[in-house]
């Protein structure tokens, strides 16, 4: 029986600053890491955005890339799987109503970002600047708006699977040891479902990092890179 360490990385906040390109010095280190390890990326972003953040070289060095939270899967330039699911019109109408009723008055556009097998919804809009996003986060911390919308959505549309990254683990041998790095592993975070599955099934280890520098330190210190 052969046991292999497999390294799974979230991208935003784990390998790169959120929505930005990977740090050049870290990219050099990570290039060498990818040459000698089995590396996988799991991200809510589409392929073009992930390539923009990591570059074509690092993107192509991964064993597989699970874009759109595993709904659009690539090996280099080869598409392995793409989900055909689309957000139902009634569900989009409900979310539009939630946006219109929100007490947060700022709107920046692109409130629905349709990607293969998923849809990203934002009250403030995906066109918001970093400062505008921080204003919304401050608002959301006070009234838990996103949680309330999510709860209501799941009640009204129980057949829509909102779990992030849940199909990723089907591609791994149960004898492999998984090492998952993410920056959002709390119970309501995007990385939590994958973390929970790994821990519940005793498949490996999870590392909750605050930024790419923390990822870099763990890889350097714990894996003798």
Foldseek 3Di string as FASTA:
>chain_A
DDAFEAEEEEPDQAQPPHLAAGDPVVLVVVLVVLVPHAYEYFYLAAPVSVCRRNNLSVCQSHCKYCYNLNQWIDNRPDTDHFAQDDDDPVLVVLLVVLLVPDPPPAADDQQWDDDTPDIHGDSNHPRDDPVRVVVVVVVCVVPVSVVVSVVVSCVVCVVRDPQGNPPVVVPDDQSYAYEYEDQFCPPPGNCVVVQCVCVVSVRHYYDHDRGNVRNVCCCCPVVVD
